[in-house]
């Protein structure tokens, strides 16, 4: 993502010009749209946000796919065994990732993994609801944290 505000303004102005088909009679509205789009992009993706390292993306996607399928199989097996197979617990894990996008990605991906739901993220502690206390959630969360750290190029 573009980090400098004036480059974002230029990008959104060019986009408006394209959408307006080069007409100049809509630039009053266009200026408002460019300002709003620039402000929104700066809030949603501030300049200090870490950059993604695309070289780490394939390993992250493979890890996610393998663990999603494996976790789905575990949850299906527990569901077939009935209610007694479930022993839900809340786990609290320390989070070593920087605040912002890396932590948000961690809690989002963990919530997408079968059998876990992120409940709360506060003070570098992540609270998870897990379907069974014996699932290797702590080890999986730490491995996921390492993949996300590589993806964002941060050390943990």
C-alpha atoms as a PDB file:
ATOM      1  CA  UNK A   1       0.000   0.000   0.000  1.00  0.00           C
ATOM      2  CA  UNK A   2       1.154   3.514  -0.710  1.00  0.00           C
ATOM      3  CA  UNK A   3       2.531   5.140   2.439  1.00  0.00           C
ATOM      4  CA  UNK A   4       2.735   8.844   1.544  1.00  0.00           C
ATOM      5  CA  UNK A   5      -0.529  10.836   1.716  1.00  0.00           C
ATOM      6  CA  UNK A   6       0.182  12.919  -1.394  1.00  0.00           C
ATOM      7  CA  UNK A   7       0.765   9.766  -3.461  1.00  0.00           C
ATOM      8  CA  UNK A   8      -2.560   8.407  -2.247  1.00  0.00           C
ATOM      9  CA  UNK A   9      -4.249  11.688  -3.175  1.00  0.00           C
ATOM     10  CA  UNK A  10      -2.741  11.443  -6.656  1.00  0.00           C
ATOM     11  CA  UNK A  11      -3.837   7.810  -7.003  1.00  0.00           C
ATOM     12  CA  UNK A  12      -7.431   8.555  -5.957  1.00  0.00           C
ATOM     13  CA  UNK A  13      -7.528  11.666  -8.185  1.00  0.00           C
ATOM     14  CA  UNK A  14      -6.430   9.556 -11.164  1.00  0.00           C
ATOM     15  CA  UNK A  15      -9.039   6.959 -10.287  1.00  0.00           C
ATOM     16  CA  UNK A  16     -11.724   9.671 -10.139  1.00  0.00           C
ATOM     17  CA  UNK A  17     -10.567  11.072 -13.470  1.00  0.00           C
ATOM     18  CA  UNK A  18     -10.882   7.610 -15.028  1.00  0.00           C
ATOM     19  CA  UNK A  19     -14.317   7.034 -13.503  1.00  0.00           C
ATOM     20  CA  UNK A  20     -15.470  10.489 -14.654  1.00  0.00           C
ATOM     21  CA  UNK A  21     -14.215   9.641 -18.165  1.00  0.00           C
ATOM     22  CA  UNK A  22     -11.999  12.733 -18.213  1.00  0.00           C
ATOM     23  CA  UNK A  23     -14.866  15.175 -17.696  1.00  0.00           C
ATOM     24  CA  UNK A  24     -14.131  18.243 -15.572  1.00  0.00           C
ATOM     25  CA  UNK A  25     -17.684  19.180 -14.587  1.00  0.00           C
ATOM     26  CA  UNK A  26     -17.723  16.666 -11.708  1.00  0.00           C
ATOM     27  CA  UNK A  27     -14.498  17.690  -9.991  1.00  0.00           C
ATOM     28  CA  UNK A  28     -16.213  19.450  -7.080  1.00  0.00           C
ATOM     29  CA  UNK A  29     -17.709  16.131  -6.061  1.00  0.00           C
ATOM     30  CA  UNK A  30     -14.490  14.448  -7.165  1.00  0.00           C
ATOM     31  CA  UNK A  31     -12.404  16.523  -4.750  1.00  0.00           C
ATOM     32  CA  UNK A  32     -14.678  15.525  -1.889  1.00  0.00           C
ATOM     33  CA  UNK A  33     -14.447  11.879  -2.944  1.00  0.00           C
ATOM     34  CA  UNK A  34     -10.633  12.048  -3.229  1.00  0.00           C
ATOM     35  CA  UNK A  35     -10.325  13.636   0.225  1.00  0.00           C
ATOM     36  CA  UNK A  36     -12.709  11.081   1.763  1.00  0.00           C
ATOM     37  CA  UNK A  37     -10.955   8.154   0.080  1.00  0.00           C
ATOM     38  CA  UNK A  38      -7.519   9.400   1.139  1.00  0.00           C
ATOM     39  CA  UNK A  39      -8.621   9.953   4.736  1.00  0.00           C
ATOM     40  CA  UNK A  40     -10.290   6.517   4.870  1.00  0.00           C
ATOM     41  CA  UNK A  41      -7.218   4.803   3.439  1.00  0.00           C
ATOM     42  CA  UNK A  42      -4.967   6.564   5.959  1.00  0.00           C
ATOM     43  CA  UNK A  43      -7.200   5.435   8.841  1.00  0.00           C
ATOM     44  CA  UNK A  44      -7.641   1.855   7.638  1.00  0.00           C
ATOM     45  CA  UNK A  45      -4.058   1.417   6.496  1.00  0.00           C
ATOM     46  CA  UNK A  46      -1.875   3.987   8.256  1.00  0.00           C
ATOM     47  CA  UNK A  47       1.574   4.765   6.877  1.00  0.00           C
ATOM     48  CA  UNK A  48       3.296   3.024   9.798  1.00  0.00           C
ATOM     49  CA  UNK A  49       1.557  -0.283   9.093  1.00  0.00           C
ATOM     50  CA  UNK A  50       3.996  -3.141   8.452  1.00  0.00           C
ATOM     51  CA  UNK A  51       4.489  -4.284   4.905  1.00  0.00           C
ATOM     52  CA  UNK A  52       3.776  -7.809   3.771  1.00  0.00           C
ATOM     53  CA  UNK A  53       6.642  -9.987   2.576  1.00  0.00           C
ATOM     54  CA  UNK A  54       5.122 -11.895  -0.299  1.00  0.00           C
ATOM     55  CA  UNK A  55       7.898 -14.489  -0.217  1.00  0.00           C
ATOM     56  CA  UNK A  56       6.432 -15.799   3.055  1.00  0.00           C
ATOM     57  CA  UNK A  57       2.882 -15.949   1.663  1.00  0.00           C
ATOM     58  CA  UNK A  58       3.096 -19.461   0.099  1.00  0.00           C
ATOM     59  CA  UNK A  59       4.305 -21.037   3.367  1.00  0.00           C
ATOM     60  CA  UNK A  60       1.560 -19.215   5.281  1.00  0.00           C
ATOM     61  CA  UNK A  61      -1.135 -20.395   2.847  1.00  0.00           C
ATOM     62  CA  UNK A  62       0.115 -23.993   2.914  1.00  0.00           C
ATOM     63  CA  UNK A  63       0.178 -23.938   6.730  1.00  0.00           C
ATOM     64  CA  UNK A  64      -3.347 -22.516   6.839  1.00  0.00           C
ATOM     65  CA  UNK A  65      -4.730 -25.011   4.318  1.00  0.00           C
ATOM     66  CA  UNK A  66      -3.166 -28.069   5.974  1.00  0.00           C
ATOM     67  CA  UNK A  67      -4.270 -27.054   9.466  1.00  0.00           C
ATOM     68  CA  UNK A  68      -7.768 -26.109   8.306  1.00  0.00           C
ATOM     69  CA  UNK A  69      -8.303 -29.527   6.737  1.00  0.00           C
ATOM     70  CA  UNK A  70      -6.739 -31.365   9.683  1.00  0.00           C
ATOM     71  CA  UNK A  71      -8.714 -29.293  12.188  1.00  0.00           C
ATOM     72  CA  UNK A  72     -11.921 -29.844  10.235  1.00  0.00           C
ATOM     73  CA  UNK A  73     -11.313 -33.594  10.405  1.00  0.00           C
ATOM     74  CA  UNK A  74     -10.728 -33.414  14.163  1.00  0.00           C
ATOM     75  CA  UNK A  75     -13.953 -31.456  14.725  1.00  0.00           C
ATOM     76  CA  UNK A  76     -15.929 -33.837  12.484  1.00  0.00           C
ATOM     77  CA  UNK A  77     -14.557 -36.830  14.399  1.00  0.00           C
ATOM     78  CA  UNK A  78     -15.534 -35.211  17.711  1.00  0.00           C
ATOM     79  CA  UNK A  79     -19.010 -34.440  16.376  1.00  0.00           C
ATOM     80  CA  UNK A  80     -19.486 -38.077  15.330  1.00  0.00           C
ATOM     81  CA  UNK A  81     -18.480 -39.244  18.813  1.00  0.00           C
ATOM     82  CA  UNK A  82     -21.182 -37.092  20.426  1.00  0.00           C
ATOM     83  CA  UNK A  83     -21.279 -34.505  23.194  1.00  0.00           C
ATOM     84  CA  UNK A  84     -19.046 -36.487  25.529  1.00  0.00           C
ATOM     85  CA  UNK A  85     -16.162 -36.036  23.098  1.00  0.00           C
ATOM     86  CA  UNK A  86     -16.282 -32.292  23.635  1.00  0.00           C
ATOM     87  CA  UNK A  87     -14.484 -30.742  26.582  1.00  0.00           C
ATOM     88  CA  UNK A  88     -14.580 -27.034  25.779  1.00  0.00           C
ATOM     89  CA  UNK A  89     -12.211 -24.703  27.606  1.00  0.00           C
ATOM     90  CA  UNK A  90     -10.965 -21.152  27.447  1.00  0.00           C
ATOM     91  CA  UNK A  91      -7.242 -20.774  26.891  1.00  0.00           C
ATOM     92  CA  UNK A  92      -5.209 -17.647  27.395  1.00  0.00           C
ATOM     93  CA  UNK A  93      -2.096 -17.308  25.260  1.00  0.00           C
ATOM     94  CA  UNK A  94       0.616 -14.652  25.209  1.00  0.00           C
ATOM     95  CA  UNK A  95       0.897 -12.828  21.878  1.00  0.00           C
ATOM     96  CA  UNK A  96       4.333 -11.713  20.726  1.00  0.00           C
ATOM     97  CA  UNK A  97       3.254 -10.031  17.491  1.00  0.00           C
ATOM     98  CA  UNK A  98       3.157  -6.234  17.178  1.00  0.00           C
ATOM     99  CA  UNK A  99      -0.145  -4.459  17.724  1.00  0.00           C
ATOM    100  CA  UNK A 100      -2.194  -3.874  14.594  1.00  0.00           C
ATOM    101  CA  UNK A 101      -2.476  -5.949  11.447  1.00  0.00           C
ATOM    102  CA  UNK A 102      -0.298  -8.878  12.630  1.00  0.00           C
ATOM    103  CA  UNK A 103      -2.381  -9.393  15.789  1.00  0.00           C
ATOM    104  CA  UNK A 104      -5.646  -8.953  13.891  1.00  0.00           C
ATOM    105  CA  UNK A 105      -4.533 -11.544  11.335  1.00  0.00           C
ATOM    106  CA  UNK A 106      -3.599 -13.958  14.144  1.00  0.00           C
ATOM    107  CA  UNK A 107      -6.975 -13.793  15.870  1.00  0.00           C
ATOM    108  CA  UNK A 108      -8.824 -13.927  12.546  1.00  0.00           C
ATOM    109  CA  UNK A 109      -6.965 -16.975  11.262  1.00  0.00           C
ATOM    110  CA  UNK A 110      -7.270 -18.778  14.599  1.00  0.00           C
ATOM    111  CA  UNK A 111     -11.017 -18.132  14.488  1.00  0.00           C
ATOM    112  CA  UNK A 112     -11.145 -19.620  10.990  1.00  0.00           C
ATOM    113  CA  UNK A 113      -9.420 -22.785  12.165  1.00  0.00           C
ATOM    114  CA  UNK A 114     -11.957 -25.465  13.125  1.00  0.00           C
ATOM    115  CA  UNK A 115     -12.427 -25.906  16.851  1.00  0.00           C
ATOM    116  CA  UNK A 116     -11.125 -22.488  17.954  1.00  0.00           C
ATOM    117  CA  UNK A 117     -12.708 -19.070  18.272  1.00  0.00           C
ATOM    118  CA  UNK A 118     -10.905 -15.918  19.316  1.00  0.00           C
ATOM    119  CA  UNK A 119     -12.785 -14.322  22.194  1.00  0.00           C
ATOM    120  CA  UNK A 120     -10.644 -11.399  23.323  1.00  0.00           C
ATOM    121  CA  UNK A 121      -7.330  -9.781  22.551  1.00  0.00           C
ATOM    122  CA  UNK A 122      -6.092  -7.431  25.260  1.00  0.00           C
ATOM    123  CA  UNK A 123      -2.723  -6.504  26.735  1.00  0.00           C
ATOM    124  CA  UNK A 124      -0.828  -8.920  24.474  1.00  0.00           C
ATOM    125  CA  UNK A 125      -2.977 -11.808  25.729  1.00  0.00           C
ATOM    126  CA  UNK A 126      -5.301 -13.758  23.455  1.00  0.00           C
ATOM    127  CA  UNK A 127      -8.263 -15.586  24.907  1.00  0.00           C
ATOM    128  CA  UNK A 128      -9.537 -18.507  22.836  1.00  0.00           C
ATOM    129  CA  UNK A 129     -12.511 -20.826  23.150  1.00  0.00           C
ATOM    130  CA  UNK A 130     -11.439 -24.347  22.213  1.00  0.00           C
ATOM    131  CA  UNK A 131     -13.709 -27.376  21.670  1.00  0.00           C
ATOM    132  CA  UNK A 132     -11.436 -29.804  23.499  1.00  0.00           C
ATOM    133  CA  UNK A 133      -8.745 -29.233  26.073  1.00  0.00           C
ATOM    134  CA  UNK A 134      -6.404 -31.803  24.501  1.00  0.00           C
ATOM    135  CA  UNK A 135      -6.249 -30.163  21.081  1.00  0.00           C
ATOM    136  CA  UNK A 136      -2.733 -28.851  20.324  1.00  0.00           C
ATOM    137  CA  UNK A 137      -3.952 -25.264  20.115  1.00  0.00           C
ATOM    138  CA  UNK A 138      -1.011 -23.682  21.944  1.00  0.00           C
ATOM    139  CA  UNK A 139       1.560 -25.259  19.612  1.00  0.00           C
ATOM    140  CA  UNK A 140      -0.539 -24.426  16.544  1.00  0.00           C
ATOM    141  CA  UNK A 141      -1.006 -20.818  17.683  1.00  0.00           C
ATOM    142  CA  UNK A 142       2.743 -20.405  18.192  1.00  0.00           C
ATOM    143  CA  UNK A 143       3.457 -21.895  14.759  1.00  0.00           C
ATOM    144  CA  UNK A 144       0.846 -19.594  13.214  1.00  0.00           C
ATOM    145  CA  UNK A 145       2.406 -16.661  15.049  1.00  0.00           C
ATOM    146  CA  UNK A 146       5.799 -17.504  13.505  1.00  0.00           C
ATOM    147  CA  UNK A 147       4.245 -17.661  10.010  1.00  0.00           C
ATOM    148  CA  UNK A 148       2.538 -14.295  10.521  1.00  0.00           C
ATOM    149  CA  UNK A 149       5.776 -12.774  11.848  1.00  0.00           C
ATOM    150  CA  UNK A 150       7.541 -13.955   8.677  1.00  0.00           C
ATOM    151  CA  UNK A 151       4.699 -12.625   6.554  1.00  0.00           C
ATOM    152  CA  UNK A 152       5.022  -9.163   8.104  1.00  0.00           C
ATOM    153  CA  UNK A 153       8.804  -9.322   8.454  1.00  0.00           C
ATOM    154  CA  UNK A 154       8.820  -8.834  12.217  1.00  0.00           C
ATOM    155  CA  UNK A 155      10.843 -10.722  14.795  1.00  0.00           C
ATOM    156  CA  UNK A 156       9.175 -12.501  17.684  1.00  0.00           C
END
